[in-house]
C-alpha cells in the first residue's frame, strides 16, 4: 500500500513542469492499473504496510478515488486551454487524492480523522479557486462550517476510545461494544453531515452549484462516500446502542429522501437537480447502514460505488452543456437533441443508471437496500416505493427537459461533442454497468 502513496507523492513535481497536464493523467491511469492488479483477500485486511492496509471496502473506494481523479483531469481541459493556474490545479488534485487514499487505507483511527478532515482543504480550494460565481465563497464557508461543527465531537470520541482500549487501530474495534449515548452521537454525527443526511444537507447543493466541474465530480464521487465509509467502520462497536437509536436516522433518511425527490422537480438549475438527487440516493445508503444487517451493508457499499460513477458522469454532462451555452438553466438548455444527437445517447444512459435501471450497479445496490429495509420494517416499503418512483421521475424530467422541446433561439454558436468528452462519459458509464459482472466480489465480503 505504501508504494502507491510514494507514487502519488513523486507525481507532485510533474504538476509544476511545463506541458505535463496529460502526462499526470497517464501516470494516474498507470497507477490505477497497478492498483487493480493487487491481490485481494476478500474477508481480511490485506496488503499491510506501515499503518496502511485495505480490505474490500477500502479497495473499492480507493479505486473509485483514483478513477474519478483521472476523469477530473480529463473534464478540465478548459483550464489547460485558458492556462488558468493549471499547475496548481494538478497539484490540488494529487494532494486531494493522497488525502483520500490515506483516509481509506489507514488503520489508525486518529489518522483516519486527520485525513478525513484534511480532504476538506483541497476541495475548498477547488471551489473557491476555480468556481464560477462570486457566491462560491459563501458555498465554501457552508462546506467548511457544517463539517467543522461536527468534527470536534468526533475527535473527542476518538480520544475517549483511545482512553478505553489504549489503542487506536480500527481492527481492534470489533472487540468493543460501547453502550453510550453521547459517544454514539458524537461519533456518527460527523459522518451523517458528510453523507449528507436530510436536515444537514444544505451545504451540498450550494457547494455543487458553485464548484467547477472537477469539484462537483470529486464531491459527488468521493466526498459523500467518506461519510458512508466512516459509518461502516464505526458501526462495528456501536451495535448495541445503534439498535436502540437507528429508527431515528432511518425515519429521517427515508422521509427526507422522499422530500428531496419532490424538491428535485422544482429545480431549474441542472447542477442543483443532480446535487439534490445525490442527497436522495445517500438517504438510502444511510438507512442501509443503520439497519445493520448484511444486505444493508452490502447494498450501501454497492450503491456508494455506483452513485460515485453515475453522479460524476451526470455532472460531466451538465458541464458539457455549460461550456457551450454558459448557462445551467433548464430553460436555456432545451432541445439539445437538435445540436448534439450523439450526446443525447449518453444523457439517456447515465440518466437510466441514475434511476437504477439494469444492468447498473445502482440497481443491485437498491435491490439489496430495499431487501434490508423491508426486513427491518414492513412500513418502510411505502417510502421506498415513493423514493424509487420519484427517482425515475426526476431523471426522466431532467432528460426530457434537456433533450427535447424547442431549443432556445439565442444559441448562436455551438460545437458538437469532442472525442475527449465521449471518452470521458464512456469511462464513467462502462465500469458502472460492467462491474455488475463481478458483483460476487462485493456480495461476499464479510
Protein backbone atom coordinates (compact mmCIF):
# COMPACT_ATOMS: atom_id res chain seq x y z
CA UNK A 1 0.00 0.00 0.00
CA UNK A 2 2.93 2.31 0.67
CA UNK A 3 4.15 2.11 -2.92
CA UNK A 4 1.02 3.86 -4.20
CA UNK A 5 1.45 6.63 -1.66
CA UNK A 6 5.05 7.11 -2.78
CA UNK A 7 3.98 7.11 -6.41
CA UNK A 8 1.48 9.90 -5.74
CA UNK A 9 3.98 11.95 -3.76
CA UNK A 10 6.54 11.67 -6.54
CA UNK A 11 3.91 12.81 -9.05
CA UNK A 12 3.78 16.24 -7.41
CA UNK A 13 6.87 17.69 -9.21
CA UNK A 14 5.30 16.73 -12.56
CA UNK A 15 2.37 19.05 -11.78
CA UNK A 16 4.69 22.06 -11.93
CA UNK A 17 6.52 21.15 -15.14
CA UNK A 18 5.51 22.57 -18.50
CA UNK A 19 3.17 20.58 -20.76
CA UNK A 20 2.65 17.80 -18.24
CA UNK A 21 -1.14 18.06 -17.98
CA UNK A 22 -1.91 14.82 -19.82
CA UNK A 23 1.23 13.14 -18.51
CA UNK A 24 -0.08 13.36 -14.94
CA UNK A 25 -3.31 11.78 -16.12
CA UNK A 26 -1.44 8.96 -17.86
CA UNK A 27 0.53 8.29 -14.69
CA UNK A 28 -2.71 8.07 -12.74
CA UNK A 29 -4.04 5.61 -15.33
CA UNK A 30 -0.90 3.55 -14.82
CA UNK A 31 -1.36 3.67 -11.05
CA UNK A 32 -4.97 2.59 -11.44
CA UNK A 33 -3.83 -0.39 -13.50
CA UNK A 34 -1.33 -1.38 -10.80
CA UNK A 35 -3.91 -0.97 -8.06
CA UNK A 36 -6.48 -3.08 -9.91
CA UNK A 37 -3.97 -5.92 -10.03
CA UNK A 38 -3.40 -6.03 -6.28
CA UNK A 39 -4.01 -9.45 -4.82
CA UNK A 40 -7.03 -9.04 -2.57
CA UNK A 41 -8.16 -11.22 0.26
CA UNK A 42 -11.89 -10.63 0.43
CA UNK A 43 -12.64 -11.01 4.09
CA UNK A 44 -9.47 -9.90 5.88
CA UNK A 45 -7.31 -6.81 5.96
CA UNK A 46 -4.52 -7.43 3.48
CA UNK A 47 -1.65 -5.64 1.70
CA UNK A 48 -0.45 -4.46 5.10
CA UNK A 49 2.33 -1.91 5.28
CA UNK A 50 3.26 0.63 7.91
CA UNK A 51 -0.14 1.81 9.24
CA UNK A 52 -1.80 1.18 5.88
CA UNK A 53 -3.85 -1.74 4.69
CA UNK A 54 -7.00 -2.44 2.74
CA UNK A 55 -9.95 -4.74 2.82
CA UNK A 56 -12.63 -4.92 0.14
CA UNK A 57 -14.38 -1.82 1.49
CA UNK A 58 -11.27 0.36 1.22
CA UNK A 59 -10.22 -1.30 -2.02
CA UNK A 60 -13.36 -0.33 -3.94
CA UNK A 61 -13.38 3.22 -2.62
CA UNK A 62 -9.67 3.84 -3.30
CA UNK A 63 -10.15 2.52 -6.82
CA UNK A 64 -13.10 4.88 -7.26
CA UNK A 65 -10.98 7.79 -5.95
CA UNK A 66 -8.18 7.20 -8.44
CA UNK A 67 -10.65 6.73 -11.28
CA UNK A 68 -12.58 9.91 -10.53
CA UNK A 69 -9.29 11.86 -10.23
CA UNK A 70 -8.30 10.69 -13.72
CA UNK A 71 -11.67 11.79 -15.08
CA UNK A 72 -11.47 15.14 -13.26
CA UNK A 73 -8.31 15.96 -15.19
CA UNK A 74 -9.97 14.84 -18.40
CA UNK A 75 -13.02 17.03 -17.74
CA UNK A 76 -10.97 20.15 -17.01
CA UNK A 77 -9.36 20.68 -20.40
CA UNK A 78 -10.73 24.25 -20.46
CA UNK A 79 -8.28 25.20 -17.73
CA UNK A 80 -5.46 23.99 -19.95
CA UNK A 81 -6.79 25.97 -22.93
CA UNK A 82 -7.04 29.17 -20.92
CA UNK A 83 -3.87 28.35 -18.93
CA UNK A 84 -5.76 29.14 -15.73
CA UNK A 85 -3.40 28.09 -12.89
CA UNK A 86 -3.10 24.60 -14.36
CA UNK A 87 -0.06 23.54 -12.31
CA UNK A 88 -1.72 24.44 -9.02
CA UNK A 89 -4.90 22.70 -10.17
CA UNK A 90 -3.00 19.46 -10.83
CA UNK A 91 -1.20 19.76 -7.51
CA UNK A 92 -4.57 20.22 -5.82
CA UNK A 93 -5.97 17.06 -7.42
CA UNK A 94 -2.92 14.97 -6.48
CA UNK A 95 -2.98 16.35 -2.93
CA UNK A 96 -6.68 15.54 -2.65
CA UNK A 97 -6.07 12.04 -3.99
CA UNK A 98 -3.32 11.46 -1.43
CA UNK A 99 -5.68 12.59 1.34
CA UNK A 100 -8.47 10.31 0.13
CA UNK A 101 -6.13 7.38 -0.39
CA UNK A 102 -4.86 7.73 3.17
CA UNK A 103 -8.35 8.19 4.59
CA UNK A 104 -9.50 4.92 3.11
CA UNK A 105 -6.38 2.92 3.90
CA UNK A 106 -5.09 3.97 7.34
CA UNK A 107 -5.63 1.60 10.23
CA UNK A 108 -5.27 4.20 12.96
CA UNK A 109 -8.47 5.97 13.95
CA UNK A 110 -6.82 9.30 14.72
CA UNK A 111 -5.02 9.26 11.37
CA UNK A 112 -8.35 8.48 9.73
CA UNK A 113 -9.80 11.58 11.41
CA UNK A 114 -6.84 13.69 10.31
CA UNK A 115 -7.09 12.77 6.64
CA UNK A 116 -10.90 12.76 6.73
CA UNK A 117 -10.78 16.45 7.69
CA UNK A 118 -7.70 17.11 5.55
CA UNK A 119 -9.56 16.19 2.37
CA UNK A 120 -11.77 19.22 3.04
CA UNK A 121 -8.95 21.69 2.32
CA UNK A 122 -8.21 20.82 -1.33
CA UNK A 123 -11.96 20.59 -2.00
CA UNK A 124 -12.42 24.05 -0.55
CA UNK A 125 -9.55 25.36 -2.70
CA UNK A 126 -11.15 23.80 -5.80
CA UNK A 127 -14.48 25.50 -5.11
CA UNK A 128 -13.06 28.91 -4.17
CA UNK A 129 -10.24 28.93 -6.72
CA UNK A 130 -11.90 27.56 -9.84
CA UNK A 131 -15.62 28.08 -9.17
CA UNK A 132 -17.72 30.32 -11.41
CA UNK A 133 -19.87 32.77 -9.42
CA UNK A 134 -18.93 35.13 -6.55
CA UNK A 135 -21.24 33.10 -4.24
CA UNK A 136 -18.58 30.39 -4.22
CA UNK A 137 -17.06 31.99 -1.10
CA UNK A 138 -20.35 31.52 0.72
CA UNK A 139 -20.61 27.94 -0.57
CA UNK A 140 -17.08 27.28 0.70
CA UNK A 141 -17.99 28.65 4.12
CA UNK A 142 -21.09 26.45 4.25
CA UNK A 143 -19.00 23.41 3.41
CA UNK A 144 -16.33 24.29 5.96
CA UNK A 145 -18.54 25.15 8.91
CA UNK A 146 -21.08 22.35 8.50
CA UNK A 147 -18.19 19.88 8.52
CA UNK A 148 -16.09 21.52 11.22
CA UNK A 149 -19.03 21.97 13.56
CA UNK A 150 -19.47 18.21 13.93
CA UNK A 151 -15.84 17.17 13.59
CA UNK A 152 -14.72 18.28 17.07
CA UNK A 153 -17.11 15.86 18.85
CA UNK A 154 -15.72 13.08 16.61
CA UNK A 155 -12.19 13.93 17.74
CA UNK A 156 -13.30 13.87 21.38
CA UNK A 157 -14.98 10.50 20.76
CA UNK A 158 -11.80 9.09 19.24
CA UNK A 159 -9.77 10.24 22.25
CA UNK A 160 -12.32 8.61 24.54
CA UNK A 161 -11.93 5.37 22.59
CA UNK A 162 -8.16 5.57 22.96
CA UNK A 163 -8.62 6.03 26.69
CA UNK A 164 -10.86 2.97 26.81
CA UNK A 165 -8.76 0.49 24.89
CA UNK A 166 -5.25 2.07 24.77
CA UNK A 167 -5.11 1.57 21.03
CA UNK A 168 -6.49 3.34 18.01
CA UNK A 169 -6.38 0.53 15.49
CA UNK A 170 -9.64 0.17 13.61
CA UNK A 171 -9.12 -3.59 13.58
CA UNK A 172 -9.42 -3.79 17.39
CA UNK A 173 -12.79 -2.03 17.45
CA UNK A 174 -14.59 -5.29 16.88
CA UNK A 175 -13.70 -6.41 20.42
CA UNK A 176 -15.63 -3.48 21.91
CA UNK A 177 -19.30 -2.86 22.42
CA UNK A 178 -19.97 0.55 23.94
CA UNK A 179 -23.46 1.46 25.02
CA UNK A 180 -23.04 5.22 25.48
CA UNK A 181 -25.42 7.81 24.04
CA UNK A 182 -23.08 10.80 23.96
CA UNK A 183 -20.27 8.78 22.37
CA UNK A 184 -22.67 7.41 19.78
CA UNK A 185 -23.97 10.85 18.77
CA UNK A 186 -20.52 12.44 18.71
CA UNK A 187 -19.03 9.60 16.65
CA UNK A 188 -21.67 9.34 13.94
CA UNK A 189 -22.80 12.94 13.52
CA UNK A 190 -19.68 13.92 11.55
CA UNK A 191 -20.35 11.15 9.05
CA UNK A 192 -24.06 11.93 8.77
CA UNK A 193 -23.28 15.55 7.86
CA UNK A 194 -20.71 14.37 5.33
CA UNK A 195 -23.17 11.94 3.73
CA UNK A 196 -25.28 14.30 3.92
CA UNK A 197 -28.35 13.31 5.88
CA UNK A 198 -31.57 15.27 5.40
CA UNK A 199 -31.63 18.35 7.73
CA UNK A 200 -27.85 18.76 7.46
CA UNK A 201 -27.72 18.60 3.67
CA UNK A 202 -27.88 22.30 2.85
CA UNK A 203 -24.16 22.70 2.21
CA UNK A 204 -24.21 20.13 -0.59
CA UNK A 205 -26.39 21.75 -3.31
CA UNK A 206 -24.70 25.08 -2.62
CA UNK A 207 -21.21 23.63 -2.92
CA UNK A 208 -22.14 21.73 -6.10
CA UNK A 209 -23.68 24.69 -7.85
CA UNK A 210 -20.66 26.92 -7.21
CA UNK A 211 -17.95 24.29 -7.77
CA UNK A 212 -16.15 23.80 -11.10
CA UNK A 213 -16.82 20.51 -12.86
CA UNK A 214 -13.85 18.81 -11.18
CA UNK A 215 -15.04 19.99 -7.76
CA UNK A 216 -18.53 18.62 -8.39
CA UNK A 217 -17.14 15.31 -9.59
CA UNK A 218 -14.98 14.75 -6.52
CA UNK A 219 -17.73 15.98 -4.18
CA UNK A 220 -20.36 13.66 -5.61
CA UNK A 221 -17.97 10.82 -6.38
CA UNK A 222 -15.89 10.56 -3.23
CA UNK A 223 -16.68 13.13 -0.55
CA UNK A 224 -20.15 11.74 0.15
CA UNK A 225 -18.64 8.27 0.36
CA UNK A 226 -16.29 9.30 3.18
CA UNK A 227 -19.31 9.52 5.45
CA UNK A 228 -20.57 6.08 4.47
CA UNK A 229 -17.10 4.59 4.90
CA UNK A 230 -16.75 6.10 8.38
CA UNK A 231 -20.18 4.83 9.44
CA UNK A 232 -19.43 1.32 8.19
CA UNK A 233 -16.16 1.24 10.11
CA UNK A 234 -17.60 2.58 13.36
CA UNK A 235 -20.88 0.66 13.43
CA UNK A 236 -18.79 -2.36 14.45
CA UNK A 237 -18.51 -1.26 18.10
CA UNK A 238 -21.69 0.83 18.36
CA UNK A 239 -24.03 -2.07 17.61
CA UNK A 240 -25.94 -2.26 20.86
CA UNK A 241 -26.80 1.41 21.09
CA UNK A 242 -27.45 1.67 17.37
CA UNK A 243 -30.17 -0.94 17.70
CA UNK A 244 -31.91 1.39 20.16
CA UNK A 245 -31.40 4.56 18.13
CA UNK A 246 -31.38 3.51 14.50
CA UNK A 247 -35.09 4.10 13.85
CA UNK A 248 -34.48 7.88 14.24
CA UNK A 249 -31.91 8.02 11.44
CA UNK A 250 -33.82 5.63 9.20
CA UNK A 251 -37.06 7.61 9.52
CA UNK A 252 -35.29 10.94 8.91
CA UNK A 253 -33.49 9.48 5.89
CA UNK A 254 -36.50 7.85 4.28
CA UNK A 255 -38.87 10.77 4.77
CA UNK A 256 -36.07 13.20 3.86
CA UNK A 257 -35.26 11.20 0.73
CA UNK A 258 -38.90 11.47 -0.33
CA UNK A 259 -38.98 15.24 0.30
CA UNK A 260 -35.74 15.77 -1.56
CA UNK A 261 -37.06 13.73 -4.51
CA UNK A 262 -40.03 16.08 -4.68
CA UNK A 263 -37.69 19.04 -4.41
CA UNK A 264 -35.81 17.80 -7.49
CA UNK A 265 -38.90 18.53 -9.57
CA UNK A 266 -38.76 22.21 -8.51
CA UNK A 267 -35.19 22.81 -9.67
CA UNK A 268 -34.42 24.91 -12.72
CA UNK A 269 -30.64 24.57 -12.38
CA UNK A 270 -29.29 21.31 -13.87
CA UNK A 271 -26.44 21.01 -11.36
CA UNK A 272 -28.74 21.73 -8.45
CA UNK A 273 -31.10 18.96 -9.57
CA UNK A 274 -28.27 16.43 -9.81
CA UNK A 275 -26.99 17.52 -6.38
CA UNK A 276 -30.39 17.03 -4.77
CA UNK A 277 -30.71 13.63 -6.41
CA UNK A 278 -27.40 12.71 -4.72
CA UNK A 279 -28.95 13.53 -1.34
CA UNK A 280 -31.91 11.26 -2.14
CA UNK A 281 -29.57 8.37 -3.05
CA UNK A 282 -27.42 8.88 0.04
CA UNK A 283 -30.51 8.77 2.25
CA UNK A 284 -30.96 5.15 1.15
CA UNK A 285 -27.32 4.42 1.92
CA UNK A 286 -27.66 5.84 5.46
CA UNK A 287 -30.78 3.74 6.05
CA UNK A 288 -28.99 0.62 4.80
CA UNK A 289 -26.04 1.11 7.14
CA UNK A 290 -28.27 1.94 10.12
CA UNK A 291 -30.41 -1.19 9.72
CA UNK A 292 -27.21 -3.12 10.40
CA UNK A 293 -27.90 -6.29 8.54
CA UNK A 294 -25.81 -8.00 5.91
CA UNK A 295 -27.87 -6.91 2.92
CA UNK A 296 -27.93 -3.33 4.13
CA UNK A 297 -24.15 -3.11 4.38
CA UNK A 298 -23.60 -4.72 1.00
CA UNK A 299 -26.28 -2.59 -0.65
CA UNK A 300 -24.82 0.59 0.81
CA UNK A 301 -21.35 -0.30 -0.42
CA UNK A 302 -22.53 -1.15 -3.94
CA UNK A 303 -24.76 1.93 -4.16
CA UNK A 304 -21.89 4.15 -3.00
CA UNK A 305 -19.64 2.89 -5.78
CA UNK A 306 -22.44 3.07 -8.36
CA UNK A 307 -23.58 6.52 -7.33
CA UNK A 308 -19.99 7.79 -7.38
CA UNK A 309 -19.62 6.90 -11.05
CA UNK A 310 -23.14 7.84 -12.11
CA UNK A 311 -23.37 11.20 -10.36
CA UNK A 312 -19.90 12.19 -11.51
CA UNK A 313 -20.86 11.38 -15.11
CA UNK A 314 -24.01 13.47 -14.84
CA UNK A 315 -22.02 16.46 -13.61
CA UNK A 316 -19.76 15.98 -16.64
CA UNK A 317 -22.81 16.13 -18.90
CA UNK A 318 -24.06 19.28 -17.19
CA UNK A 319 -20.63 20.83 -17.68
CA UNK A 320 -20.52 19.89 -21.37
CA UNK A 321 -23.72 21.91 -21.88
CA UNK A 322 -22.44 24.69 -19.64
CA UNK A 323 -19.23 25.07 -21.65
CA UNK A 324 -21.30 25.65 -24.80
CA UNK A 325 -24.16 27.80 -23.51
CA UNK A 326 -22.62 29.39 -20.39
CA UNK A 327 -25.82 28.67 -18.54
CA UNK A 328 -27.05 25.84 -16.35
CA UNK A 329 -30.71 26.80 -16.58
CA UNK A 330 -33.11 24.14 -17.81
CA UNK A 331 -34.97 26.79 -19.81
CA UNK A 332 -31.90 27.58 -21.89
CA UNK A 333 -30.51 24.04 -22.15
CA UNK A 334 -33.51 22.76 -24.11
CA UNK A 335 -33.81 20.73 -27.26
CA UNK A 336 -30.18 19.65 -27.17
CA UNK A 337 -31.03 16.66 -29.31
CA UNK A 338 -31.04 19.04 -32.29
CA UNK A 339 -27.48 20.14 -31.67
CA UNK A 340 -25.76 17.09 -30.19
CA UNK A 341 -27.65 13.96 -31.18
CA UNK A 342 -24.82 11.63 -30.09
CA UNK A 343 -24.60 13.26 -26.67
CA UNK A 344 -28.28 12.52 -26.24
CA UNK A 345 -27.41 8.84 -26.00
CA UNK A 346 -25.02 9.49 -23.11
CA UNK A 347 -27.61 11.60 -21.33
CA UNK A 348 -30.02 8.70 -21.67
CA UNK A 349 -27.53 6.06 -20.50
CA UNK A 350 -26.44 7.99 -17.41
CA UNK A 351 -29.99 9.02 -16.53
CA UNK A 352 -31.13 5.42 -16.78
CA UNK A 353 -28.31 4.37 -14.44
CA UNK A 354 -29.34 7.14 -12.07
CA UNK A 355 -32.85 5.75 -11.82
CA UNK A 356 -31.34 2.30 -11.13
CA UNK A 357 -32.13 0.57 -14.40
CA UNK A 358 -30.36 -2.71 -15.14
CA UNK A 359 -27.53 -3.53 -15.61
CA UNK A 360 -26.14 -0.71 -13.45
CA UNK A 361 -24.58 -1.16 -10.02
CA UNK A 362 -27.25 1.19 -8.66
CA UNK A 363 -29.91 -1.42 -9.36
CA UNK A 364 -28.04 -4.09 -7.43
CA UNK A 365 -27.44 -1.71 -4.55
CA UNK A 366 -31.05 -0.58 -4.39
CA UNK A 367 -32.39 -4.14 -4.51
CA UNK A 368 -30.18 -5.06 -1.54
CA UNK A 369 -31.20 -1.91 0.35
CA UNK A 370 -34.90 -2.48 -0.27
CA UNK A 371 -34.48 -6.06 0.97
CA UNK A 372 -32.70 -4.96 4.12
CA UNK A 373 -35.15 -2.17 4.95
CA UNK A 374 -38.12 -4.43 4.33
CA UNK A 375 -36.72 -6.97 6.76
CA UNK A 376 -36.35 -4.17 9.33
CA UNK A 377 -39.89 -2.88 8.97
CA UNK A 378 -42.65 -3.60 6.55
CA UNK A 379 -43.78 0.06 6.71
CA UNK A 380 -40.58 1.32 5.13
CA UNK A 381 -41.94 -0.07 1.85
CA UNK A 382 -44.17 2.99 1.44
CA UNK A 383 -41.29 5.45 1.46
CA UNK A 384 -39.03 3.16 -0.56
CA UNK A 385 -41.71 2.88 -3.21
CA UNK A 386 -42.09 6.66 -3.40
CA UNK A 387 -38.33 7.30 -3.47
CA UNK A 388 -37.78 4.74 -6.24
CA UNK A 389 -40.69 6.05 -8.26
CA UNK A 390 -39.69 9.68 -7.95
CA UNK A 391 -36.04 8.96 -8.69
CA UNK A 392 -37.19 7.61 -12.05
CA UNK A 393 -39.46 10.66 -12.30
CA UNK A 394 -36.83 13.36 -11.84
CA UNK A 395 -34.33 11.52 -14.04
CA UNK A 396 -36.88 11.47 -16.86
CA UNK A 397 -37.85 15.07 -16.12
CA UNK A 398 -34.23 16.18 -16.46
CA UNK A 399 -33.63 14.09 -19.58
CA UNK A 400 -36.77 15.18 -21.41
CA UNK A 401 -36.33 18.83 -20.46
CA UNK A 402 -32.72 18.97 -21.65
CA UNK A 403 -33.02 16.83 -24.76
CA UNK A 404 -36.48 17.52 -26.14
CA UNK A 405 -38.59 20.57 -26.81
CA UNK A 406 -37.98 23.71 -28.80
CA UNK A 407 -34.41 24.92 -28.45
CA UNK A 408 -33.59 28.38 -27.17
CA UNK A 409 -33.30 30.78 -30.10
CA UNK A 410 -30.39 32.65 -28.53
CA UNK A 411 -27.98 29.80 -29.24
CA UNK A 412 -25.89 31.43 -31.94
CA UNK A 413 -22.62 29.47 -31.89
CA UNK A 414 -22.31 25.87 -30.97
CA UNK A 415 -19.93 22.98 -31.46
CA UNK A 416 -20.56 19.28 -31.21
CA UNK A 417 -19.13 16.98 -28.59
CA UNK A 418 -15.44 16.22 -29.00
CA UNK A 419 -13.87 12.78 -28.65
CA UNK A 420 -12.40 13.62 -25.23
CA UNK A 421 -15.91 14.20 -23.87
CA UNK A 422 -17.30 10.98 -25.30
CA UNK A 423 -14.35 9.03 -23.91
CA UNK A 424 -14.86 10.64 -20.51
CA UNK A 425 -18.53 9.68 -20.45
CA UNK A 426 -17.74 6.17 -21.58
CA UNK A 427 -15.21 5.79 -18.78
CA UNK A 428 -17.97 6.73 -16.34
CA UNK A 429 -20.62 4.50 -17.81
CA UNK A 430 -18.66 1.34 -18.63
CA UNK A 431 -17.40 0.48 -15.13
CA UNK A 432 -20.83 1.36 -13.74
CA UNK A 433 -22.51 -1.25 -15.93
CA UNK A 434 -19.73 -3.79 -16.42
CA UNK A 435 -18.86 -4.24 -12.75
CA UNK A 436 -22.20 -5.95 -12.26
CA UNK A 437 -20.48 -8.96 -13.88
CA UNK A 438 -18.20 -9.29 -10.85
CA UNK A 439 -20.84 -8.39 -8.29
CA UNK A 440 -19.94 -11.52 -6.32
CA UNK A 441 -16.82 -9.70 -5.06
CA UNK A 442 -18.99 -7.13 -3.34
CA UNK A 443 -21.62 -9.60 -2.18
CA UNK A 444 -19.42 -11.98 -0.18
CA UNK A 445 -17.03 -9.71 1.62
CA UNK A 446 -17.78 -10.44 5.27
